Amino acid sequence: MAQIPGLPSNTGTTCVITPIKAFADNYIWMVSNGRQALVVDPGDATPVLAALAQAGLVLTSILLTHHHQDHVGGVAELLQTTPASVYGPATEALPHCDHSLSEGDQVIIPEFGIELSVLDIPGHTAGHIAYYGHVGATRLVFCGDTLFAGGCGRIFEGTPEQMHSSLSKLAALPTETLVYCTHEYTASNLRFAVAAEPDNQALINWQQAVTQQRAQDIPTLPSTIGQELAANPFLRCNQSTIATKTSQWAHTPLTTTLDVFTQLRAWKNVFR
């Protein structure tokens, strides 16, 4: 498994964030300090249990961003063999949740040097949340299926207005913030992004790097908020090129950034 470089925790212990592959393209993020671990959105228990056993770790915490089965499906089995506390969104049905969270709540886990603030980011689901803060001195956000590298999630339960607002909230985070989303969609997202903004050199450079990474089966995540602002079309709906390209696809003039976002998401839904 690939590993993100060590992050010093507040306890002086180096924490490592590891992507555990699940299903066809999910990543379950594991934060470990050499003895204990937490995981984010464990849709499948089997690869998590294997990773814990391989590293000799005890699972102590589970963070959930939303209720979809590929993000929560492994929780019940994990709780049969581990003493983990489960954190998740207050407004979604999560039967094993110990700590129900809403905007402004804090998640502090000292053994990992973790201090996270909860952000409400509805759109993909009605109660979707993100966890923003730091592990040691490193800023990061676990954002589930709302913001992807080079893209965004489908709008299943919310509205375009909600999703646009949620993405704007994430876009306002510091540019150095590491973005830990949960799907390896980057290559396909960037193919669409190039169609929407073909002259964006930052986007073209990112796409070339991602092509090389995927050829070697290297995860393309995390990205950063800075990368997303420079190249993710769903955070760039105020750019004239994207507005023009999206208007051409929609066969109608689009006069607001929300109109552009709404049609851009509709275009992405059918893009091949």
C-alpha atoms as a PDB file:
ATOM      1  CA  MET A   1       0.000   0.000   0.000  1.00  0.00           C
ATOM      2  CA  ALA A   2       1.142   3.507  -0.757  1.00  0.00           C
ATOM      3  CA  GLN A   3       1.736   5.749   2.219  1.00  0.00           C
ATOM      4  CA  ILE A   4       1.493   9.479   2.653  1.00  0.00           C
ATOM      5  CA  PRO A   5       4.684  10.859   4.242  1.00  0.00           C
ATOM      6  CA  GLY A   6       4.815  10.788   8.038  1.00  0.00           C
ATOM      7  CA  LEU A   7       3.006  13.565   9.866  1.00  0.00           C
ATOM      8  CA  PRO A   8       4.239  14.521  13.351  1.00  0.00           C
ATOM      9  CA  SER A   9       1.384  14.370  15.837  1.00  0.00           C
ATOM     10  CA  ASN A  10       0.964  16.617  18.864  1.00  0.00           C
ATOM     11  CA  THR A  11       2.218  13.756  21.047  1.00  0.00           C
ATOM     12  CA  GLY A  12       5.556  13.645  19.237  1.00  0.00           C
ATOM     13  CA  THR A  13       4.630  10.375  17.527  1.00  0.00           C
ATOM     14  CA  THR A  14       4.830  10.258  13.748  1.00  0.00           C
ATOM     15  CA  CYS A  15       1.465   9.467  12.179  1.00  0.00           C
ATOM     16  CA  VAL A  16       1.095   7.950   8.745  1.00  0.00           C
ATOM     17  CA  ILE A  17      -1.960   8.257   6.499  1.00  0.00           C
ATOM     18  CA  THR A  18      -2.397   5.195   4.313  1.00  0.00           C
ATOM     19  CA  PRO A  19      -4.930   4.588   1.525  1.00  0.00           C
ATOM     20  CA  ILE A  20      -6.524   1.149   1.819  1.00  0.00           C
ATOM     21  CA  LYS A  21      -8.016   0.074  -1.490  1.00  0.00           C
ATOM     22  CA  ALA A  22     -11.583  -1.231  -1.487  1.00  0.00           C
ATOM     23  CA  PHE A  23     -14.008  -2.265  -4.208  1.00  0.00           C
ATOM     24  CA  ALA A  24     -13.119  -1.001  -7.689  1.00  0.00           C
ATOM     25  CA  ASP A  25     -11.964   2.519  -6.846  1.00  0.00           C
ATOM     26  CA  ASN A  26     -12.604   3.385  -3.175  1.00  0.00           C
ATOM     27  CA  TYR A  27      -9.939   4.493  -0.725  1.00  0.00           C
ATOM     28  CA  ILE A  28     -10.422   3.940   2.994  1.00  0.00           C
ATOM     29  CA  TRP A  29      -8.020   6.338   4.703  1.00  0.00           C
ATOM     30  CA  MET A  30      -6.156   4.937   7.713  1.00  0.00           C
ATOM     31  CA  VAL A  31      -4.299   7.179  10.161  1.00  0.00           C
ATOM     32  CA  SER A  32      -1.853   5.231  12.330  1.00  0.00           C
ATOM     33  CA  ASN A  33       0.678   6.070  15.034  1.00  0.00           C
ATOM     34  CA  GLY A  34       2.501   2.733  15.149  1.00  0.00           C
ATOM     35  CA  ARG A  35       0.147   1.215  17.728  1.00  0.00           C
ATOM     36  CA  GLN A  36      -3.364   2.464  17.025  1.00  0.00           C
ATOM     37  CA  ALA A  37      -5.343   3.430  13.952  1.00  0.00           C
ATOM     38  CA  LEU A  38      -8.426   5.267  12.840  1.00  0.00           C
ATOM     39  CA  VAL A  39     -10.146   4.814   9.493  1.00  0.00           C
ATOM     40  CA  VAL A  40     -12.354   7.056   7.395  1.00  0.00           C
ATOM     41  CA  ASP A  41     -15.383   5.676   5.528  1.00  0.00           C
ATOM     42  CA  PRO A  42     -14.718   1.911   5.789  1.00  0.00           C
ATOM     43  CA  GLY A  43     -17.117   0.521   3.210  1.00  0.00           C
ATOM     44  CA  ASP A  44     -15.548  -2.936   3.467  1.00  0.00           C
ATOM     45  CA  ALA A  45     -14.118  -4.483   6.633  1.00  0.00           C
ATOM     46  CA  THR A  46     -11.935  -7.111   4.947  1.00  0.00           C
ATOM     47  CA  PRO A  47      -9.115  -4.876   3.619  1.00  0.00           C
ATOM     48  CA  VAL A  48      -9.164  -2.824   6.839  1.00  0.00           C
ATOM     49  CA  LEU A  49      -8.758  -5.907   9.029  1.00  0.00           C
ATOM     50  CA  ALA A  50      -5.947  -7.112   6.768  1.00  0.00           C
ATOM     51  CA  ALA A  51      -4.144  -3.759   7.004  1.00  0.00           C
ATOM     52  CA  LEU A  52      -4.529  -3.664  10.782  1.00  0.00           C
ATOM     53  CA  ALA A  53      -3.208  -7.205  11.156  1.00  0.00           C
ATOM     54  CA  GLN A  54      -0.285  -6.592   8.809  1.00  0.00           C
ATOM     55  CA  ALA A  55       0.816  -3.516  10.768  1.00  0.00           C
ATOM     56  CA  GLY A  56      -0.092  -4.821  14.237  1.00  0.00           C
ATOM     57  CA  LEU A  57      -2.521  -1.964  14.909  1.00  0.00           C
ATOM     58  CA  VAL A  58      -5.617  -1.624  17.091  1.00  0.00           C
ATOM     59  CA  LEU A  59      -8.514   0.284  15.543  1.00  0.00           C
ATOM     60  CA  THR A  60      -9.735   2.953  17.977  1.00  0.00           C
ATOM     61  CA  SER A  61     -11.836   5.360  15.871  1.00  0.00           C
ATOM     62  CA  ILE A  62     -13.992   5.377  12.742  1.00  0.00           C
ATOM     63  CA  LEU A  63     -14.951   8.616  10.962  1.00  0.00           C
ATOM     64  CA  LEU A  64     -17.925   8.566   8.578  1.00  0.00           C
ATOM     65  CA  THR A  65     -18.803  11.316   6.106  1.00  0.00           C
ATOM     66  CA  HIS A  66     -22.162  10.027   4.828  1.00  0.00           C
ATOM     67  CA  HIS A  67     -24.441   7.015   4.808  1.00  0.00           C
ATOM     68  CA  HIS A  68     -23.755   5.373   1.433  1.00  0.00           C
ATOM     69  CA  GLN A  69     -23.012   1.673   1.737  1.00  0.00           C
ATOM     70  CA  ASP A  70     -19.598   1.857   0.091  1.00  0.00           C
ATOM     71  CA  HIS A  71     -18.589   4.178   2.950  1.00  0.00           C
ATOM     72  CA  VAL A  72     -20.246   2.499   5.947  1.00  0.00           C
ATOM     73  CA  GLY A  73     -20.702  -1.134   4.918  1.00  0.00           C
ATOM     74  CA  GLY A  74     -17.741  -2.429   6.915  1.00  0.00           C
ATOM     75  CA  VAL A  75     -18.551  -0.748  10.225  1.00  0.00           C
ATOM     76  CA  ALA A  76     -20.627  -3.533  11.805  1.00  0.00           C
ATOM     77  CA  GLU A  77     -18.004  -6.193  11.105  1.00  0.00           C
ATOM     78  CA  LEU A  78     -15.170  -3.988  12.340  1.00  0.00           C
ATOM     79  CA  LEU A  79     -17.005  -3.400  15.621  1.00  0.00           C
ATOM     80  CA  GLN A  80     -17.240  -7.152  16.194  1.00  0.00           C
ATOM     81  CA  THR A  81     -13.469  -7.360  16.596  1.00  0.00           C
ATOM     82  CA  THR A  82     -12.298  -3.843  17.508  1.00  0.00           C
ATOM     83  CA  PRO A  83     -13.131  -1.325  20.287  1.00  0.00           C
ATOM     84  CA  ALA A  84     -13.570   1.617  17.923  1.00  0.00           C
ATOM     85  CA  SER A  85     -15.689   4.704  18.566  1.00  0.00           C
ATOM     86  CA  VAL A  86     -17.758   5.772  15.560  1.00  0.00           C
ATOM     87  CA  TYR A  87     -18.246   9.406  14.511  1.00  0.00           C
ATOM     88  CA  GLY A  88     -20.703  10.466  11.818  1.00  0.00           C
ATOM     89  CA  PRO A  89     -23.298  12.966  10.583  1.00  0.00           C
ATOM     90  CA  ALA A  90     -26.155  13.652  12.982  1.00  0.00           C
ATOM     91  CA  THR A  91     -28.854  13.865  10.320  1.00  0.00           C
ATOM     92  CA  GLU A  92     -28.193  10.550   8.578  1.00  0.00           C
ATOM     93  CA  ALA A  93     -29.244   7.054   9.674  1.00  0.00           C
ATOM     94  CA  LEU A  94     -26.068   5.422  10.982  1.00  0.00           C
ATOM     95  CA  PRO A  95     -27.003   2.603  13.388  1.00  0.00           C
ATOM     96  CA  HIS A  96     -23.546   2.206  14.941  1.00  0.00           C
ATOM     97  CA  CYS A  97     -22.739   5.899  15.452  1.00  0.00           C
ATOM     98  CA  ASP A  98     -21.500   6.838  18.943  1.00  0.00           C
ATOM     99  CA  HIS A  99     -20.878  10.527  18.235  1.00  0.00           C
ATOM    100  CA  SER A 100     -23.428  12.386  16.067  1.00  0.00           C
ATOM    101  CA  LEU A 101     -21.855  15.478  14.540  1.00  0.00           C
ATOM    102  CA  SER A 102     -22.946  18.749  12.953  1.00  0.00           C
ATOM    103  CA  GLU A 103     -21.289  21.938  11.708  1.00  0.00           C
ATOM    104  CA  GLY A 104     -18.935  23.383  14.302  1.00  0.00           C
ATOM    105  CA  ASP A 105     -18.518  20.226  16.367  1.00  0.00           C
ATOM    106  CA  GLN A 106     -14.950  19.224  17.199  1.00  0.00           C
ATOM    107  CA  VAL A 107     -13.292  15.817  16.953  1.00  0.00           C
ATOM    108  CA  ILE A 108     -10.154  15.695  19.080  1.00  0.00           C
ATOM    109  CA  ILE A 109      -8.180  12.439  19.216  1.00  0.00           C
ATOM    110  CA  PRO A 110      -4.946  13.121  21.119  1.00  0.00           C
ATOM    111  CA  GLU A 111      -3.170   9.858  20.313  1.00  0.00           C
ATOM    112  CA  PHE A 112      -3.007  10.916  16.663  1.00  0.00           C
ATOM    113  CA  GLY A 113      -2.559  14.639  17.257  1.00  0.00           C
ATOM    114  CA  ILE A 114      -5.874  15.095  15.494  1.00  0.00           C
ATOM    115  CA  GLU A 115      -8.047  18.173  15.922  1.00  0.00           C
ATOM    116  CA  LEU A 116     -10.850  18.352  13.386  1.00  0.00           C
ATOM    117  CA  SER A 117     -13.819  20.667  12.894  1.00  0.00           C
ATOM    118  CA  VAL A 118     -16.994  19.350  11.328  1.00  0.00           C
ATOM    119  CA  LEU A 119     -18.334  21.067   8.206  1.00  0.00           C
ATOM    120  CA  ASP A 120     -21.851  20.486   6.885  1.00  0.00           C
ATOM    121  CA  ILE A 121     -21.514  19.928   3.131  1.00  0.00           C
ATOM    122  CA  PRO A 122     -24.873  18.666   1.797  1.00  0.00           C
ATOM    123  CA  GLY A 123     -25.467  17.916  -1.858  1.00  0.00           C
ATOM    124  CA  HIS A 124     -24.196  14.420  -2.561  1.00  0.00           C
ATOM    125  CA  THR A 125     -26.345  13.318   0.380  1.00  0.00           C
ATOM    126  CA  ALA A 126     -28.566  15.470   2.564  1.00  0.00           C
ATOM    127  CA  GLY A 127     -26.442  15.153   5.700  1.00  0.00           C
ATOM    128  CA  HIS A 128     -22.928  14.803   4.279  1.00  0.00           C
ATOM    129  CA  ILE A 129     -20.166  16.193   6.503  1.00  0.00           C
ATOM    130  CA  ALA A 130     -16.438  16.822   6.166  1.00  0.00           C
ATOM    131  CA  TYR A 131     -13.699  16.793   8.782  1.00  0.00           C
ATOM    132  CA  TYR A 132     -11.296  19.729   8.487  1.00  0.00           C
ATOM    133  CA  GLY A 133      -8.311  20.466  10.692  1.00  0.00           C
ATOM    134  CA  HIS A 134      -4.891  19.033  11.249  1.00  0.00           C
ATOM    135  CA  VAL A 135      -2.862  15.980  12.078  1.00  0.00           C
ATOM    136  CA  GLY A 136       0.097  17.492  13.856  1.00  0.00           C
ATOM    137  CA  ALA A 137       0.999  20.590  11.847  1.00  0.00           C
ATOM    138  CA  THR A 138      -0.493  19.349   8.571  1.00  0.00           C
ATOM    139  CA  ARG A 139      -3.829  20.798   7.437  1.00  0.00           C
ATOM    140  CA  LEU A 140      -6.210  18.357   5.791  1.00  0.00           C
ATOM    141  CA  VAL A 141      -9.836  17.689   5.017  1.00  0.00           C
ATOM    142  CA  PHE A 142     -11.612  14.345   4.774  1.00  0.00           C
ATOM    143  CA  CYS A 143     -14.406  15.281   2.382  1.00  0.00           C
ATOM    144  CA  GLY A 144     -15.979  11.976   1.332  1.00  0.00           C
ATOM    145  CA  ASP A 145     -17.796  12.230  -1.989  1.00  0.00           C
ATOM    146  CA  THR A 146     -18.348  15.998  -2.157  1.00  0.00           C
ATOM    147  CA  LEU A 147     -15.058  17.301  -3.567  1.00  0.00           C
ATOM    148  CA  PHE A 148     -13.016  14.933  -5.724  1.00  0.00           C
ATOM    149  CA  ALA A 149      -9.589  15.533  -7.220  1.00  0.00           C
ATOM    150  CA  GLY A 150     -10.512  17.428 -10.369  1.00  0.00           C
ATOM    151  CA  GLY A 151     -14.237  16.931  -9.872  1.00  0.00           C
ATOM    152  CA  CYS A 152     -17.170  16.639  -7.491  1.00  0.00           C
ATOM    153  CA  GLY A 153     -19.723  14.052  -6.451  1.00  0.00           C
ATOM    154  CA  ARG A 154     -23.071  13.456  -8.053  1.00  0.00           C
ATOM    155  CA  ILE A 155     -26.051  15.205  -6.508  1.00  0.00           C
ATOM    156  CA  PHE A 156     -28.235  12.382  -5.193  1.00  0.00           C
ATOM    157  CA  GLU A 157     -30.218  13.871  -2.303  1.00  0.00           C
ATOM    158  CA  GLY A 158     -29.438  17.574  -2.274  1.00  0.00           C
ATOM    159  CA  THR A 159     -29.807  20.392  -4.779  1.00  0.00           C
ATOM    160  CA  PRO A 160     -27.340  22.090  -7.114  1.00  0.00           C
ATOM    161  CA  GLU A 161     -27.535  25.140  -4.845  1.00  0.00           C
ATOM    162  CA  GLN A 162     -26.496  23.050  -1.836  1.00  0.00           C
ATOM    163  CA  MET A 163     -23.669  21.332  -3.681  1.00  0.00           C
ATOM    164  CA  HIS A 164     -22.362  24.612  -5.077  1.00  0.00           C
ATOM    165  CA  SER A 165     -22.426  26.131  -1.591  1.00  0.00           C
ATOM    166  CA  SER A 166     -20.675  23.095  -0.093  1.00  0.00           C
ATOM    167  CA  LEU A 167     -17.924  23.214  -2.696  1.00  0.00           C
ATOM    168  CA  SER A 168     -17.503  26.947  -2.107  1.00  0.00           C
ATOM    169  CA  LYS A 169     -17.070  26.236   1.599  1.00  0.00           C
ATOM    170  CA  LEU A 170     -14.324  23.709   0.867  1.00  0.00           C
ATOM    171  CA  ALA A 171     -12.722  26.028  -1.704  1.00  0.00           C
ATOM    172  CA  ALA A 172     -12.340  28.681   1.003  1.00  0.00           C
ATOM    173  CA  LEU A 173     -10.024  26.456   3.071  1.00  0.00           C
ATOM    174  CA  PRO A 174      -6.305  27.339   3.057  1.00  0.00           C
ATOM    175  CA  THR A 175      -4.653  26.439  -0.234  1.00  0.00           C
ATOM    176  CA  GLU A 176      -2.146  24.086   1.408  1.00  0.00           C
ATOM    177  CA  THR A 177      -4.940  21.907   2.823  1.00  0.00           C
ATOM    178  CA  LEU A 178      -4.570  18.283   1.727  1.00  0.00           C
ATOM    179  CA  VAL A 179      -7.787  16.945   0.179  1.00  0.00           C
ATOM    180  CA  TYR A 180      -8.539  13.344   1.145  1.00  0.00           C
ATOM    181  CA  CYS A 181     -11.521  12.283  -0.930  1.00  0.00           C
ATOM    182  CA  THR A 182     -12.529   8.644  -1.230  1.00  0.00           C
ATOM    183  CA  HIS A 183     -12.487   7.587  -4.887  1.00  0.00           C
ATOM    184  CA  GLU A 184      -9.775   7.171  -7.508  1.00  0.00           C
ATOM    185  CA  TYR A 185     -11.672   9.166 -10.111  1.00  0.00           C
ATOM    186  CA  THR A 186      -8.931  11.672 -10.892  1.00  0.00           C
ATOM    187  CA  ALA A 187      -8.036  10.521 -14.417  1.00  0.00           C
ATOM    188  CA  SER A 188     -11.640  10.511 -15.630  1.00  0.00           C
ATOM    189  CA  ASN A 189     -12.372  13.783 -13.838  1.00  0.00           C
ATOM    190  CA  LEU A 190      -9.454  15.494 -15.553  1.00  0.00           C
ATOM    191  CA  ARG A 191     -10.526  14.215 -18.978  1.00  0.00           C
ATOM    192  CA  PHE A 192     -13.780  16.053 -18.431  1.00  0.00           C
ATOM    193  CA  ALA A 193     -12.024  19.094 -16.992  1.00  0.00           C
ATOM    194  CA  VAL A 194      -9.943  19.433 -20.161  1.00  0.00           C
ATOM    195  CA  ALA A 195     -13.133  19.380 -22.234  1.00  0.00           C
ATOM    196  CA  ALA A 196     -14.495  22.229 -20.112  1.00  0.00           C
ATOM    197  CA  GLU A 197     -11.284  24.290 -19.990  1.00  0.00           C
ATOM    198  CA  PRO A 198      -8.887  23.071 -22.710  1.00  0.00           C
ATOM    199  CA  ASP A 199      -6.383  25.940 -22.417  1.00  0.00           C
ATOM    200  CA  ASN A 200      -5.703  25.593 -18.682  1.00  0.00           C
ATOM    201  CA  GLN A 201      -1.988  24.752 -18.474  1.00  0.00           C
ATOM    202  CA  ALA A 202      -2.149  23.848 -14.771  1.00  0.00           C
ATOM    203  CA  LEU A 203      -4.856  21.346 -15.637  1.00  0.00           C
ATOM    204  CA  ILE A 204      -2.874  19.901 -18.544  1.00  0.00           C
ATOM    205  CA  ASN A 205       0.208  19.492 -16.348  1.00  0.00           C
ATOM    206  CA  TRP A 206      -1.843  17.780 -13.644  1.00  0.00           C
ATOM    207  CA  GLN A 207      -3.401  15.423 -16.167  1.00  0.00           C
ATOM    208  CA  GLN A 208       0.030  14.413 -17.451  1.00  0.00           C
ATOM    209  CA  ALA A 209       1.240  13.693 -13.916  1.00  0.00           C
ATOM    210  CA  VAL A 210      -1.885  11.659 -13.136  1.00  0.00           C
ATOM    211  CA  THR A 211      -1.453   9.598 -16.300  1.00  0.00           C
ATOM    212  CA  GLN A 212       2.038   8.638 -15.153  1.00  0.00           C
ATOM    213  CA  GLN A 213       0.849   7.861 -11.618  1.00  0.00           C
ATOM    214  CA  ARG A 214      -1.966   5.605 -12.769  1.00  0.00           C
ATOM    215  CA  ALA A 215       0.315   3.777 -15.207  1.00  0.00           C
ATOM    216  CA  GLN A 216       2.315   2.751 -12.126  1.00  0.00           C
ATOM    217  CA  ASP A 217      -0.814   2.091 -10.006  1.00  0.00           C
ATOM    218  CA  ILE A 218       0.133   4.981  -7.693  1.00  0.00           C
ATOM    219  CA  PRO A 219      -2.746   6.769  -5.916  1.00  0.00           C
ATOM    220  CA  THR A 220      -3.364  10.283  -7.209  1.00  0.00           C
ATOM    221  CA  LEU A 221      -4.581  11.431  -3.800  1.00  0.00           C
ATOM    222  CA  PRO A 222      -4.423  13.573  -1.797  1.00  0.00           C
ATOM    223  CA  SER A 223      -4.601  16.713  -3.867  1.00  0.00           C
ATOM    224  CA  THR A 224      -4.580  20.197  -2.329  1.00  0.00           C
ATOM    225  CA  ILE A 225      -7.139  22.980  -2.245  1.00  0.00           C
ATOM    226  CA  GLY A 226      -4.641  25.020  -4.262  1.00  0.00           C
ATOM    227  CA  GLN A 227      -4.586  22.392  -7.017  1.00  0.00           C
ATOM    228  CA  GLU A 228      -8.363  22.255  -7.055  1.00  0.00           C
ATOM    229  CA  LEU A 229      -8.703  26.027  -7.334  1.00  0.00           C
ATOM    230  CA  ALA A 230      -6.284  26.028 -10.259  1.00  0.00           C
ATOM    231  CA  ALA A 231      -7.759  23.152 -12.234  1.00  0.00           C
ATOM    232  CA  ASN A 232     -11.055  21.740 -10.935  1.00  0.00           C
ATOM    233  CA  PRO A 233     -13.831  23.093 -13.185  1.00  0.00           C
ATOM    234  CA  PHE A 234     -16.456  22.801 -10.450  1.00  0.00           C
ATOM    235  CA  LEU A 235     -14.520  25.359  -8.408  1.00  0.00           C
ATOM    236  CA  ARG A 236     -13.956  27.562 -11.470  1.00  0.00           C
ATOM    237  CA  CYS A 237     -17.484  28.226 -12.709  1.00  0.00           C
ATOM    238  CA  ASN A 238     -16.718  31.959 -12.712  1.00  0.00           C
ATOM    239  CA  GLN A 239     -14.124  31.463 -15.459  1.00  0.00           C
ATOM    240  CA  SER A 240     -15.246  32.674 -18.876  1.00  0.00           C
ATOM    241  CA  THR A 241     -13.935  29.652 -20.789  1.00  0.00           C
ATOM    242  CA  ILE A 242     -15.858  27.216 -18.598  1.00  0.00           C
ATOM    243  CA  ALA A 243     -19.005  29.331 -18.802  1.00  0.00           C
ATOM    244  CA  THR A 244     -18.724  29.486 -22.598  1.00  0.00           C
ATOM    245  CA  LYS A 245     -18.050  25.760 -23.047  1.00  0.00           C
ATOM    246  CA  THR A 246     -20.868  24.822 -20.684  1.00  0.00           C
ATOM    247  CA  SER A 247     -23.294  27.219 -22.385  1.00  0.00           C
ATOM    248  CA  GLN A 248     -22.415  25.630 -25.720  1.00  0.00           C
ATOM    249  CA  TRP A 249     -23.120  22.171 -24.320  1.00  0.00           C
ATOM    250  CA  ALA A 250     -26.404  23.292 -22.746  1.00  0.00           C
ATOM    251  CA  HIS A 251     -27.447  25.209 -25.904  1.00  0.00           C
ATOM    252  CA  THR A 252     -28.463  28.168 -23.768  1.00  0.00           C
ATOM    253  CA  PRO A 253     -26.762  31.249 -22.304  1.00  0.00           C
ATOM    254  CA  LEU A 254     -25.755  30.779 -18.661  1.00  0.00           C
ATOM    255  CA  THR A 255     -25.601  34.023 -16.731  1.00  0.00           C
ATOM    256  CA  THR A 256     -24.734  33.045 -13.143  1.00  0.00           C
ATOM    257  CA  THR A 257     -22.070  30.822 -11.619  1.00  0.00           C
ATOM    258  CA  LEU A 258     -24.846  28.655 -10.152  1.00  0.00           C
ATOM    259  CA  ASP A 259     -26.345  28.202 -13.630  1.00  0.00           C
ATOM    260  CA  VAL A 260     -22.910  27.248 -14.947  1.00  0.00           C
ATOM    261  CA  PHE A 261     -22.343  24.823 -12.083  1.00  0.00           C
ATOM    262  CA  THR A 262     -25.746  23.182 -12.522  1.00  0.00           C
ATOM    263  CA  GLN A 263     -25.235  22.577 -16.235  1.00  0.00           C
ATOM    264  CA  LEU A 264     -21.579  21.613 -15.782  1.00  0.00           C
ATOM    265  CA  ARG A 265     -22.646  18.871 -13.360  1.00  0.00           C
ATOM    266  CA  ALA A 266     -25.340  17.734 -15.810  1.00  0.00           C
ATOM    267  CA  TRP A 267     -22.725  17.636 -18.591  1.00  0.00           C
ATOM    268  CA  LYS A 268     -20.375  15.578 -16.440  1.00  0.00           C
ATOM    269  CA  ASN A 269     -23.181  13.094 -15.721  1.00  0.00           C
ATOM    270  CA  VAL A 270     -23.310  12.112 -19.400  1.00  0.00           C
ATOM    271  CA  PHE A 271     -19.679  12.729 -20.390  1.00  0.00           C
ATOM    272  CA  ARG A 272     -17.813   9.711 -21.722  1.00  0.00           C
END
